Amino acid sequence: MRVLVTGGAGYIGSHVVWELLEAGHEPVVIDNLSKGHAAALPTGVSLLHGDLADASFIRYTMSVVKPQAVMHFAGFIEVGESVQQPGRYYRNNVSNSLNLLEAMVEFGVQYIVFSSTAAVYGEPIRIPIDEDHPKVPLNPYGESKLFVESMLARYEQAHGVRSICLRYFNAAGAHPSGKIGEAHQPETHLIPIVLQAAAGQRSHVYIYGTDYPTEDGSCVRDYVHVCDLAAAHRLAIQVLAAGGPSGVYNLGNGRGFSVRQIIAATQKVTGQSITTMEAPRRAGDPAVLVASAQLARQKLGWQPQYTVIDDIIGSAWCWHKAHPLRFA
């Protein structure tokens, strides 16, 4: 199947491209490379350098590529930045998704897998969080993703476009081949930041918020390996291709780890001491986010392979040691 992958040169997108290729699909990537890396893509995969803000570019791409399905990763993902620059997130994540959907309708592409987020839930009222949990996002990033989910439901009603939205909890880890991994600039995700400190590339790690209602006062998150996320995307596109219904699914391991626990686990995995500094809470950060992913297991047949946090961190550490400058 020919699959158009927007944002396919990014961290999660590139792992999905490798997964699709290994499963016999034909991924074609759109990426403006503002965050992604062409070097993260397998040899021979087509990369179209362009932006979803350019509706004419999307229409041209659809006419040339003639995809049977779309996987949509292109979007800004930083919670703190979204609080400071909400308009940037609404334009990029919402308006650009509208451009994509309009082109899909025009060229008869009937299904899409959308990269959503646990940030749609906001501060949880129960743990673990299932898909029926109230959606009250605390930041524009989460709002933008939730709005796209609503758009997808409306486009199915109006145009028959079926979709599966995958709400990730915290993506982490790296491909077992060591060829690709997490490489943001600047880096804002906890595990790669802690690994940079372990490698001597940072002098310390900030713990943002030490007074949360958790066991040690720091935020708790559910970490899911990026290759398990990639497998879920492959399964989702298979369900839609087989005529299956639209759906919304959480992706997580169902167990939470605090910031302090992640730092301790990283010290164990790397054998390096890590200096920490305490800092105030960041705006828009819930105290605890832990998934119930039972629905994805039941409906998609998803079975995460990486369920031990040391293994997730270990895969990221292997990538980091082999690529200290990332894709430079």
C-alpha atoms as a PDB file:
ATOM      1  CA  MET A   1       0.000   0.000   0.000  1.00  0.00           C
ATOM      2  CA  ARG A   2       1.265   3.493  -0.852  1.00  0.00           C
ATOM      3  CA  VAL A   3       1.091   5.618   2.307  1.00  0.00           C
ATOM      4  CA  LEU A   4       1.719   9.367   2.421  1.00  0.00           C
ATOM      5  CA  VAL A   5       3.491  10.125   5.708  1.00  0.00           C
ATOM      6  CA  THR A   6       3.457  13.775   6.758  1.00  0.00           C
ATOM      7  CA  GLY A   7       6.273  14.678   9.139  1.00  0.00           C
ATOM      8  CA  GLY A   8       7.846  11.344   8.280  1.00  0.00           C
ATOM      9  CA  ALA A   9      11.412  12.534   8.887  1.00  0.00           C
ATOM     10  CA  GLY A  10      10.673  13.291  12.547  1.00  0.00           C
ATOM     11  CA  TYR A  11      11.287  11.085  15.568  1.00  0.00           C
ATOM     12  CA  ILE A  12       8.090   9.021  15.587  1.00  0.00           C
ATOM     13  CA  GLY A  13       7.371   9.472  11.886  1.00  0.00           C
ATOM     14  CA  SER A  14      10.729   8.035  10.812  1.00  0.00           C
ATOM     15  CA  HIS A  15      10.291   4.958  13.016  1.00  0.00           C
ATOM     16  CA  VAL A  16       6.869   4.414  11.430  1.00  0.00           C
ATOM     17  CA  VAL A  17       8.381   4.759   7.939  1.00  0.00           C
ATOM     18  CA  TRP A  18      10.889   1.999   8.755  1.00  0.00           C
ATOM     19  CA  GLU A  19       8.047  -0.139  10.145  1.00  0.00           C
ATOM     20  CA  LEU A  20       5.908   0.373   7.039  1.00  0.00           C
ATOM     21  CA  LEU A  21       8.797  -0.446   4.716  1.00  0.00           C
ATOM     22  CA  GLU A  22       9.629  -3.635   6.602  1.00  0.00           C
ATOM     23  CA  ALA A  23       5.958  -4.677   6.371  1.00  0.00           C
ATOM     24  CA  GLY A  24       5.976  -4.330   2.577  1.00  0.00           C
ATOM     25  CA  HIS A  25       4.210  -0.963   2.261  1.00  0.00           C
ATOM     26  CA  GLU A  26       5.420   1.968   0.162  1.00  0.00           C
ATOM     27  CA  PRO A  27       5.818   5.055   2.359  1.00  0.00           C
ATOM     28  CA  VAL A  28       6.250   8.472   0.718  1.00  0.00           C
ATOM     29  CA  VAL A  29       7.282  11.265   3.064  1.00  0.00           C
ATOM     30  CA  ILE A  30       6.327  14.939   3.205  1.00  0.00           C
ATOM     31  CA  ASP A  31       8.470  16.992   5.575  1.00  0.00           C
ATOM     32  CA  ASN A  32       9.629  20.607   5.702  1.00  0.00           C
ATOM     33  CA  LEU A  33      12.678  19.436   7.734  1.00  0.00           C
ATOM     34  CA  SER A  34      12.203  22.208  10.299  1.00  0.00           C
ATOM     35  CA  LYS A  35      12.297  19.488  12.972  1.00  0.00           C
ATOM     36  CA  GLY A  36      12.907  16.286  11.024  1.00  0.00           C
ATOM     37  CA  HIS A  37      16.054  14.793   9.506  1.00  0.00           C
ATOM     38  CA  ALA A  38      16.356  13.414   5.994  1.00  0.00           C
ATOM     39  CA  ALA A  39      19.102  11.087   7.270  1.00  0.00           C
ATOM     40  CA  ALA A  40      16.523   9.320   9.461  1.00  0.00           C
ATOM     41  CA  LEU A  41      14.786   7.860   6.408  1.00  0.00           C
ATOM     42  CA  PRO A  42      15.652   4.484   4.864  1.00  0.00           C
ATOM     43  CA  THR A  43      17.522   4.531   1.578  1.00  0.00           C
ATOM     44  CA  GLY A  44      15.154   4.711  -1.358  1.00  0.00           C
ATOM     45  CA  VAL A  45      12.173   6.250   0.448  1.00  0.00           C
ATOM     46  CA  SER A  46      10.900   9.317  -1.410  1.00  0.00           C
ATOM     47  CA  LEU A  47      11.069  12.592   0.516  1.00  0.00           C
ATOM     48  CA  LEU A  48       9.052  15.542  -0.747  1.00  0.00           C
ATOM     49  CA  HIS A  49      10.376  18.717   0.848  1.00  0.00           C
ATOM     50  CA  GLY A  50       7.397  20.962   1.479  1.00  0.00           C
ATOM     51  CA  ASP A  51       4.953  22.374   4.004  1.00  0.00           C
ATOM     52  CA  LEU A  52       1.309  21.564   4.720  1.00  0.00           C
ATOM     53  CA  ALA A  53       0.654  25.307   4.967  1.00  0.00           C
ATOM     54  CA  ASP A  54       1.009  25.335   1.169  1.00  0.00           C
ATOM     55  CA  ALA A  55      -2.308  23.956  -0.077  1.00  0.00           C
ATOM     56  CA  SER A  56      -1.133  23.907  -3.694  1.00  0.00           C
ATOM     57  CA  PHE A  57       1.882  21.790  -2.715  1.00  0.00           C
ATOM     58  CA  ILE A  58      -0.383  19.276  -0.974  1.00  0.00           C
ATOM     59  CA  ARG A  59      -2.696  19.076  -3.976  1.00  0.00           C
ATOM     60  CA  TYR A  60       0.260  18.576  -6.318  1.00  0.00           C
ATOM     61  CA  THR A  61       1.638  15.856  -4.023  1.00  0.00           C
ATOM     62  CA  MET A  62      -1.684  14.038  -3.941  1.00  0.00           C
ATOM     63  CA  SER A  63      -1.959  14.171  -7.733  1.00  0.00           C
ATOM     64  CA  VAL A  64       1.546  12.762  -8.244  1.00  0.00           C
ATOM     65  CA  VAL A  65       1.841  10.273  -5.386  1.00  0.00           C
ATOM     66  CA  LYS A  66      -1.754   8.982  -5.524  1.00  0.00           C
ATOM     67  CA  PRO A  67      -1.629   7.598  -1.980  1.00  0.00           C
ATOM     68  CA  GLN A  68      -4.094   5.011  -0.747  1.00  0.00           C
ATOM     69  CA  ALA A  69      -3.783   6.231   2.844  1.00  0.00           C
ATOM     70  CA  VAL A  70      -2.274   9.018   4.931  1.00  0.00           C
ATOM     71  CA  MET A  71      -0.388   8.994   8.227  1.00  0.00           C
ATOM     72  CA  HIS A  72      -0.267  12.460   9.747  1.00  0.00           C
ATOM     73  CA  PHE A  73       2.628  13.329  12.091  1.00  0.00           C
ATOM     74  CA  ALA A  74       3.451  16.862  10.946  1.00  0.00           C
ATOM     75  CA  GLY A  75       2.862  19.223  13.852  1.00  0.00           C
ATOM     76  CA  PHE A  76       4.455  21.152  16.683  1.00  0.00           C
ATOM     77  CA  ILE A  77       4.652  19.209  19.947  1.00  0.00           C
ATOM     78  CA  GLU A  78       6.128  21.371  22.718  1.00  0.00           C
ATOM     79  CA  VAL A  79       3.707  22.056  25.574  1.00  0.00           C
ATOM     80  CA  GLY A  80       5.576  25.044  27.015  1.00  0.00           C
ATOM     81  CA  GLU A  81       6.020  26.688  23.632  1.00  0.00           C
ATOM     82  CA  SER A  82       2.326  26.243  22.884  1.00  0.00           C
ATOM     83  CA  VAL A  83       1.426  28.169  26.038  1.00  0.00           C
ATOM     84  CA  GLN A  84       3.724  31.021  24.992  1.00  0.00           C
ATOM     85  CA  GLN A  85       2.788  30.988  21.282  1.00  0.00           C
ATOM     86  CA  PRO A  86      -0.736  29.574  20.953  1.00  0.00           C
ATOM     87  CA  GLY A  87      -1.357  31.047  17.506  1.00  0.00           C
ATOM     88  CA  ARG A  88       1.641  29.217  16.096  1.00  0.00           C
ATOM     89  CA  TYR A  89       0.176  25.903  17.279  1.00  0.00           C
ATOM     90  CA  TYR A  90      -3.344  26.556  16.042  1.00  0.00           C
ATOM     91  CA  ARG A  91      -2.044  27.562  12.611  1.00  0.00           C
ATOM     92  CA  ASN A  92       0.390  24.699  12.203  1.00  0.00           C
ATOM     93  CA  ASN A  93      -1.477  21.869  13.892  1.00  0.00           C
ATOM     94  CA  VAL A  94      -5.075  22.773  13.027  1.00  0.00           C
ATOM     95  CA  SER A  95      -5.086  24.902   9.867  1.00  0.00           C
ATOM     96  CA  ASN A  96      -2.485  22.758   8.131  1.00  0.00           C
ATOM     97  CA  SER A  97      -4.425  19.612   9.001  1.00  0.00           C
ATOM     98  CA  LEU A  98      -7.462  21.188   7.378  1.00  0.00           C
ATOM     99  CA  ASN A  99      -5.434  21.712   4.194  1.00  0.00           C
ATOM    100  CA  LEU A 100      -4.493  18.036   4.269  1.00  0.00           C
ATOM    101  CA  LEU A 101      -8.061  16.859   4.799  1.00  0.00           C
ATOM    102  CA  GLU A 102      -9.388  19.026   1.979  1.00  0.00           C
ATOM    103  CA  ALA A 103      -6.807  17.536  -0.387  1.00  0.00           C
ATOM    104  CA  MET A 104      -7.673  14.017   0.750  1.00  0.00           C
ATOM    105  CA  VAL A 105     -11.329  14.609  -0.072  1.00  0.00           C
ATOM    106  CA  GLU A 106     -10.500  16.125  -3.452  1.00  0.00           C
ATOM    107  CA  PHE A 107      -8.321  13.180  -4.478  1.00  0.00           C
ATOM    108  CA  GLY A 108     -10.449  10.444  -2.939  1.00  0.00           C
ATOM    109  CA  VAL A 109      -8.110   9.269  -0.165  1.00  0.00           C
ATOM    110  CA  GLN A 110     -10.442   7.518   2.240  1.00  0.00           C
ATOM    111  CA  TYR A 111      -8.477   6.872   5.421  1.00  0.00           C
ATOM    112  CA  ILE A 112      -5.925   8.460   7.717  1.00  0.00           C
ATOM    113  CA  VAL A 113      -4.043   7.585  10.909  1.00  0.00           C
ATOM    114  CA  PHE A 114      -3.550  10.666  13.074  1.00  0.00           C
ATOM    115  CA  SER A 115      -0.792  11.274  15.617  1.00  0.00           C
ATOM    116  CA  SER A 116      -2.652  12.552  18.683  1.00  0.00           C
ATOM    117  CA  THR A 117      -1.625  12.856  22.322  1.00  0.00           C
ATOM    118  CA  ALA A 118      -2.504  12.210  25.959  1.00  0.00           C
ATOM    119  CA  ALA A 119      -2.417  16.000  26.351  1.00  0.00           C
ATOM    120  CA  VAL A 120      -6.061  16.043  25.170  1.00  0.00           C
ATOM    121  CA  TYR A 121      -7.120  14.803  28.625  1.00  0.00           C
ATOM    122  CA  GLY A 122      -5.663  17.566  30.794  1.00  0.00           C
ATOM    123  CA  GLU A 123      -5.481  16.923  34.544  1.00  0.00           C
ATOM    124  CA  PRO A 124      -6.817  13.390  35.036  1.00  0.00           C
ATOM    125  CA  ILE A 125      -9.706  12.686  37.381  1.00  0.00           C
ATOM    126  CA  ARG A 126      -8.957   8.954  37.355  1.00  0.00           C
ATOM    127  CA  ILE A 127      -5.925   6.759  36.705  1.00  0.00           C
ATOM    128  CA  PRO A 128      -5.346   4.924  34.451  1.00  0.00           C
ATOM    129  CA  ILE A 129      -6.846   7.144  31.774  1.00  0.00           C
ATOM    130  CA  ASP A 130      -9.158   5.464  29.276  1.00  0.00           C
ATOM    131  CA  GLU A 131     -10.454   6.900  26.017  1.00  0.00           C
ATOM    132  CA  ASP A 132     -13.769   7.980  27.596  1.00  0.00           C
ATOM    133  CA  HIS A 133     -12.030  10.165  30.163  1.00  0.00           C
ATOM    134  CA  PRO A 134     -13.136  13.842  29.956  1.00  0.00           C
ATOM    135  CA  LYS A 135     -11.064  15.878  27.523  1.00  0.00           C
ATOM    136  CA  VAL A 136     -10.054  19.206  29.119  1.00  0.00           C
ATOM    137  CA  PRO A 137      -6.599  20.046  27.703  1.00  0.00           C
ATOM    138  CA  LEU A 138      -4.458  22.376  29.786  1.00  0.00           C
ATOM    139  CA  ASN A 139      -2.485  23.845  26.896  1.00  0.00           C
ATOM    140  CA  PRO A 140      -2.852  24.888  23.251  1.00  0.00           C
ATOM    141  CA  TYR A 141      -0.868  21.853  22.100  1.00  0.00           C
ATOM    142  CA  GLY A 142      -3.453  19.471  23.556  1.00  0.00           C
ATOM    143  CA  GLU A 143      -6.294  21.686  22.319  1.00  0.00           C
ATOM    144  CA  SER A 144      -4.916  21.681  18.786  1.00  0.00           C
ATOM    145  CA  LYS A 145      -4.750  17.880  18.685  1.00  0.00           C
ATOM    146  CA  LEU A 146      -8.238  17.510  20.126  1.00  0.00           C
ATOM    147  CA  PHE A 147      -9.610  19.905  17.544  1.00  0.00           C
ATOM    148  CA  VAL A 148      -8.109  17.849  14.726  1.00  0.00           C
ATOM    149  CA  GLU A 149      -9.736  14.732  16.213  1.00  0.00           C
ATOM    150  CA  SER A 150     -13.070  16.574  16.057  1.00  0.00           C
ATOM    151  CA  MET A 151     -12.383  17.617  12.461  1.00  0.00           C
ATOM    152  CA  LEU A 152     -11.739  14.012  11.505  1.00  0.00           C
ATOM    153  CA  ALA A 153     -15.074  12.920  12.959  1.00  0.00           C
ATOM    154  CA  ARG A 154     -16.845  15.656  10.972  1.00  0.00           C
ATOM    155  CA  TYR A 155     -15.045  14.717   7.760  1.00  0.00           C
ATOM    156  CA  GLU A 156     -16.177  11.143   8.159  1.00  0.00           C
ATOM    157  CA  GLN A 157     -19.773  12.324   8.541  1.00  0.00           C
ATOM    158  CA  ALA A 158     -19.541  14.622   5.510  1.00  0.00           C
ATOM    159  CA  HIS A 159     -17.136  12.790   3.199  1.00  0.00           C
ATOM    160  CA  GLY A 160     -16.693   9.220   4.448  1.00  0.00           C
ATOM    161  CA  VAL A 161     -13.032   9.693   5.417  1.00  0.00           C
ATOM    162  CA  ARG A 162     -12.309   7.058   8.081  1.00  0.00           C
ATOM    163  CA  SER A 163      -9.646   7.712  10.694  1.00  0.00           C
ATOM    164  CA  ILE A 164      -7.829   6.190  13.618  1.00  0.00           C
ATOM    165  CA  CYS A 165      -6.463   8.639  16.181  1.00  0.00           C
ATOM    166  CA  LEU A 166      -3.647   7.324  18.347  1.00  0.00           C
ATOM    167  CA  ARG A 167      -3.195   9.175  21.625  1.00  0.00           C
ATOM    168  CA  TYR A 168       0.404   8.660  22.659  1.00  0.00           C
ATOM    169  CA  PHE A 169       1.597   8.958  26.169  1.00  0.00           C
ATOM    170  CA  ASN A 170       5.379   9.638  26.411  1.00  0.00           C
ATOM    171  CA  ALA A 171       7.267   8.279  23.408  1.00  0.00           C
ATOM    172  CA  ALA A 172      10.803   7.159  24.230  1.00  0.00           C
ATOM    173  CA  GLY A 173      13.599   4.862  23.125  1.00  0.00           C
ATOM    174  CA  ALA A 174      15.248   4.213  19.762  1.00  0.00           C
ATOM    175  CA  HIS A 175      15.253   1.667  16.945  1.00  0.00           C
ATOM    176  CA  PRO A 176      17.071  -1.557  17.944  1.00  0.00           C
ATOM    177  CA  SER A 177      19.270  -1.275  14.831  1.00  0.00           C
ATOM    178  CA  GLY A 178      20.781   1.890  16.305  1.00  0.00           C
ATOM    179  CA  LYS A 179      20.251   3.675  12.979  1.00  0.00           C
ATOM    180  CA  ILE A 180      17.643   6.169  14.180  1.00  0.00           C
ATOM    181  CA  GLY A 181      16.586   7.695  17.482  1.00  0.00           C
ATOM    182  CA  GLU A 182      15.359  10.852  19.170  1.00  0.00           C
ATOM    183  CA  ALA A 183      17.006  14.063  17.979  1.00  0.00           C
ATOM    184  CA  HIS A 184      15.198  17.314  18.733  1.00  0.00           C
ATOM    185  CA  GLN A 185      16.870  20.706  18.619  1.00  0.00           C
ATOM    186  CA  PRO A 186      16.637  22.033  21.227  1.00  0.00           C
ATOM    187  CA  GLU A 187      15.928  18.859  23.169  1.00  0.00           C
ATOM    188  CA  THR A 188      12.963  19.139  25.538  1.00  0.00           C
ATOM    189  CA  HIS A 189      12.063  15.509  26.301  1.00  0.00           C
ATOM    190  CA  LEU A 190      13.159  14.065  29.619  1.00  0.00           C
ATOM    191  CA  ILE A 191      14.928  10.812  28.703  1.00  0.00           C
ATOM    192  CA  PRO A 192      17.245  12.270  26.015  1.00  0.00           C
ATOM    193  CA  ILE A 193      17.986  15.243  28.296  1.00  0.00           C
ATOM    194  CA  VAL A 194      18.977  12.901  31.122  1.00  0.00           C
ATOM    195  CA  LEU A 195      21.083  10.858  28.691  1.00  0.00           C
ATOM    196  CA  GLN A 196      22.867  14.027  27.575  1.00  0.00           C
ATOM    197  CA  ALA A 197      23.744  14.670  31.218  1.00  0.00           C
ATOM    198  CA  ALA A 198      24.969  11.085  31.580  1.00  0.00           C
ATOM    199  CA  ALA A 199      27.183  11.599  28.517  1.00  0.00           C
ATOM    200  CA  GLY A 200      28.659  14.829  29.895  1.00  0.00           C
ATOM    201  CA  GLN A 201      26.851  17.032  27.351  1.00  0.00           C
ATOM    202  CA  ARG A 202      24.882  18.782  30.096  1.00  0.00           C
ATOM    203  CA  SER A 203      26.048  19.791  33.533  1.00  0.00           C
ATOM    204  CA  HIS A 204      22.736  18.998  35.204  1.00  0.00           C
ATOM    205  CA  VAL A 205      19.068  18.101  34.726  1.00  0.00           C
ATOM    206  CA  TYR A 206      16.241  20.332  35.927  1.00  0.00           C
ATOM    207  CA  ILE A 207      13.355  18.789  37.830  1.00  0.00           C
ATOM    208  CA  TYR A 208      10.430  21.076  37.017  1.00  0.00           C
ATOM    209  CA  GLY A 209       8.076  20.944  39.977  1.00  0.00           C
ATOM    210  CA  THR A 210       8.788  19.135  43.229  1.00  0.00           C
ATOM    211  CA  ASP A 211       5.447  19.696  44.962  1.00  0.00           C
ATOM    212  CA  TYR A 212       3.123  17.625  42.799  1.00  0.00           C
ATOM    213  CA  PRO A 213       0.774  15.205  44.633  1.00  0.00           C
ATOM    214  CA  THR A 214       2.960  12.217  43.722  1.00  0.00           C
ATOM    215  CA  GLU A 215       5.129   9.877  45.775  1.00  0.00           C
ATOM    216  CA  ASP A 216       8.298  11.959  45.359  1.00  0.00           C
ATOM    217  CA  GLY A 217       6.779  15.315  44.338  1.00  0.00           C
ATOM    218  CA  SER A 218       7.812  15.147  40.659  1.00  0.00           C
ATOM    219  CA  CYS A 219       5.599  14.541  37.603  1.00  0.00           C
ATOM    220  CA  VAL A 220       4.666  10.976  36.678  1.00  0.00           C
ATOM    221  CA  ARG A 221       4.434   9.843  33.061  1.00  0.00           C
ATOM    222  CA  ASP A 222       3.744   6.629  31.139  1.00  0.00           C
ATOM    223  CA  TYR A 223       6.638   5.863  28.746  1.00  0.00           C
ATOM    224  CA  VAL A 224       5.988   3.857  25.589  1.00  0.00           C
ATOM    225  CA  HIS A 225       8.714   2.710  23.216  1.00  0.00           C
ATOM    226  CA  VAL A 226       8.748   4.390  19.823  1.00  0.00           C
ATOM    227  CA  CYS A 227       8.917   1.030  18.025  1.00  0.00           C
ATOM    228  CA  ASP A 228       5.770  -0.078  19.841  1.00  0.00           C
ATOM    229  CA  LEU A 229       4.126   3.134  18.632  1.00  0.00           C
ATOM    230  CA  ALA A 230       5.275   2.354  15.097  1.00  0.00           C
ATOM    231  CA  ALA A 231       3.741  -1.121  15.302  1.00  0.00           C
ATOM    232  CA  ALA A 232       0.436   0.392  16.404  1.00  0.00           C
ATOM    233  CA  HIS A 233       0.401   2.633  13.329  1.00  0.00           C
ATOM    234  CA  ARG A 234       1.008  -0.329  11.047  1.00  0.00           C
ATOM    235  CA  LEU A 235      -1.848  -2.233  12.702  1.00  0.00           C
ATOM    236  CA  ALA A 236      -4.135   0.803  12.469  1.00  0.00           C
ATOM    237  CA  ILE A 237      -3.624   1.228   8.739  1.00  0.00           C
ATOM    238  CA  GLN A 238      -4.282  -2.488   8.248  1.00  0.00           C
ATOM    239  CA  VAL A 239      -7.583  -2.197  10.129  1.00  0.00           C
ATOM    240  CA  LEU A 240      -8.702   0.745   7.989  1.00  0.00           C
ATOM    241  CA  ALA A 241      -7.564  -0.910   4.748  1.00  0.00           C
ATOM    242  CA  ALA A 242      -9.628  -3.966   5.646  1.00  0.00           C
ATOM    243  CA  GLY A 243     -12.730  -1.774   5.962  1.00  0.00           C
ATOM    244  CA  GLY A 244     -12.582  -1.442   9.735  1.00  0.00           C
ATOM    245  CA  PRO A 245     -14.247   1.456  11.554  1.00  0.00           C
ATOM    246  CA  SER A 246     -12.793   4.708  12.748  1.00  0.00           C
ATOM    247  CA  GLY A 247     -11.518   4.748  16.314  1.00  0.00           C
ATOM    248  CA  VAL A 248      -9.529   6.522  18.994  1.00  0.00           C
ATOM    249  CA  TYR A 249      -6.954   4.582  20.998  1.00  0.00           C
ATOM    250  CA  ASN A 250      -4.522   5.285  23.819  1.00  0.00           C
ATOM    251  CA  LEU A 251      -0.968   4.001  23.471  1.00  0.00           C
ATOM    252  CA  GLY A 252       0.938   3.509  26.709  1.00  0.00           C
ATOM    253  CA  ASN A 253       2.335   0.813  28.979  1.00  0.00           C
ATOM    254  CA  GLY A 254      -0.075   1.424  31.850  1.00  0.00           C
ATOM    255  CA  ARG A 255       2.638   2.188  34.390  1.00  0.00           C
ATOM    256  CA  GLY A 256       3.939   5.573  35.437  1.00  0.00           C
ATOM    257  CA  PHE A 257       7.438   6.723  36.376  1.00  0.00           C
ATOM    258  CA  SER A 258       8.281  10.003  38.070  1.00  0.00           C
ATOM    259  CA  VAL A 259      10.994  12.356  36.866  1.00  0.00           C
ATOM    260  CA  ARG A 260      13.165  11.298  39.790  1.00  0.00           C
ATOM    261  CA  GLN A 261      12.599   7.609  38.987  1.00  0.00           C
ATOM    262  CA  ILE A 262      13.620   8.158  35.361  1.00  0.00           C
ATOM    263  CA  ILE A 263      16.814   9.872  36.492  1.00  0.00           C
ATOM    264  CA  ALA A 264      17.573   7.006  38.891  1.00  0.00           C
ATOM    265  CA  ALA A 265      16.897   4.397  36.183  1.00  0.00           C
ATOM    266  CA  THR A 266      19.156   6.264  33.744  1.00  0.00           C
ATOM    267  CA  GLN A 267      21.969   6.314  36.282  1.00  0.00           C
ATOM    268  CA  LYS A 268      21.561   2.550  36.655  1.00  0.00           C
ATOM    269  CA  VAL A 269      21.515   1.899  32.888  1.00  0.00           C
ATOM    270  CA  THR A 270      24.437   4.183  32.035  1.00  0.00           C
ATOM    271  CA  GLY A 271      26.524   3.780  35.179  1.00  0.00           C
ATOM    272  CA  GLN A 272      26.917   7.559  35.316  1.00  0.00           C
ATOM    273  CA  SER A 273      26.055   9.997  38.094  1.00  0.00           C
ATOM    274  CA  ILE A 274      23.587  12.743  37.109  1.00  0.00           C
ATOM    275  CA  THR A 275      23.366  16.117  38.847  1.00  0.00           C
ATOM    276  CA  THR A 276      19.872  17.535  39.327  1.00  0.00           C
ATOM    277  CA  MET A 277      18.523  21.002  40.077  1.00  0.00           C
ATOM    278  CA  GLU A 278      15.012  21.807  41.254  1.00  0.00           C
ATOM    279  CA  ALA A 279      12.916  24.378  39.387  1.00  0.00           C
ATOM    280  CA  PRO A 280       9.303  25.651  39.510  1.00  0.00           C
ATOM    281  CA  ARG A 281       6.503  23.815  37.749  1.00  0.00           C
ATOM    282  CA  ARG A 282       6.027  24.481  34.042  1.00  0.00           C
ATOM    283  CA  ALA A 283       2.677  25.829  32.862  1.00  0.00           C
ATOM    284  CA  GLY A 284       0.406  23.182  31.392  1.00  0.00           C
ATOM    285  CA  ASP A 285       2.004  20.116  33.014  1.00  0.00           C
ATOM    286  CA  PRO A 286      -0.447  17.686  34.698  1.00  0.00           C
ATOM    287  CA  ALA A 287       0.826  15.818  37.747  1.00  0.00           C
ATOM    288  CA  VAL A 288       0.174  12.261  36.507  1.00  0.00           C
ATOM    289  CA  LEU A 289      -0.536  10.792  33.064  1.00  0.00           C
ATOM    290  CA  VAL A 290      -0.833   6.995  32.890  1.00  0.00           C
ATOM    291  CA  ALA A 291      -2.685   5.149  30.142  1.00  0.00           C
ATOM    292  CA  SER A 292      -5.188   2.406  29.883  1.00  0.00           C
ATOM    293  CA  ALA A 293      -4.372   0.926  26.468  1.00  0.00           C
ATOM    294  CA  GLN A 294      -6.731  -2.048  26.708  1.00  0.00           C
ATOM    295  CA  LEU A 295      -8.814  -0.826  23.777  1.00  0.00           C
ATOM    296  CA  ALA A 296      -5.801  -0.760  21.436  1.00  0.00           C
ATOM    297  CA  ARG A 297      -4.919  -4.278  22.535  1.00  0.00           C
ATOM    298  CA  GLN A 298      -8.471  -5.500  21.889  1.00  0.00           C
ATOM    299  CA  LYS A 299      -9.305  -3.657  18.668  1.00  0.00           C
ATOM    300  CA  LEU A 300      -5.911  -3.349  16.974  1.00  0.00           C
ATOM    301  CA  GLY A 301      -4.245  -6.478  18.347  1.00  0.00           C
ATOM    302  CA  TRP A 302      -1.450  -4.278  19.719  1.00  0.00           C
ATOM    303  CA  GLN A 303       1.057  -5.919  22.056  1.00  0.00           C
ATOM    304  CA  PRO A 304       3.904  -3.673  23.280  1.00  0.00           C
ATOM    305  CA  GLN A 305       7.270  -5.416  23.221  1.00  0.00           C
ATOM    306  CA  TYR A 306       9.111  -2.942  25.452  1.00  0.00           C
ATOM    307  CA  THR A 307       7.490  -2.921  28.885  1.00  0.00           C
ATOM    308  CA  VAL A 308      10.536  -2.476  31.159  1.00  0.00           C
ATOM    309  CA  ILE A 309      11.716   1.108  31.619  1.00  0.00           C
ATOM    310  CA  ASP A 310      15.395   0.046  31.768  1.00  0.00           C
ATOM    311  CA  ASP A 311      15.043  -1.508  28.299  1.00  0.00           C
ATOM    312  CA  ILE A 312      13.421   1.629  26.892  1.00  0.00           C
ATOM    313  CA  ILE A 313      16.159   3.834  28.330  1.00  0.00           C
ATOM    314  CA  GLY A 314      18.802   1.318  27.261  1.00  0.00           C
ATOM    315  CA  SER A 315      17.767   1.470  23.611  1.00  0.00           C
ATOM    316  CA  ALA A 316      17.931   5.273  23.713  1.00  0.00           C
ATOM    317  CA  TRP A 317      21.364   5.114  25.384  1.00  0.00           C
ATOM    318  CA  CYS A 318      22.707   2.833  22.617  1.00  0.00           C
ATOM    319  CA  TRP A 319      21.566   5.363  20.003  1.00  0.00           C
ATOM    320  CA  HIS A 320      22.982   8.272  21.983  1.00  0.00           C
ATOM    321  CA  LYS A 321      26.401   6.684  22.418  1.00  0.00           C
ATOM    322  CA  ALA A 322      26.621   5.816  18.712  1.00  0.00           C
ATOM    323  CA  HIS A 323      25.343   9.250  17.590  1.00  0.00           C
ATOM    324  CA  PRO A 324      26.472  11.873  20.120  1.00  0.00           C
ATOM    325  CA  LEU A 325      25.859  14.597  17.530  1.00  0.00           C
ATOM    326  CA  ARG A 326      22.584  12.968  16.413  1.00  0.00           C
ATOM    327  CA  PHE A 327      22.162  13.281  12.637  1.00  0.00           C
ATOM    328  CA  ALA A 328      24.870  15.936  12.215  1.00  0.00           C
END
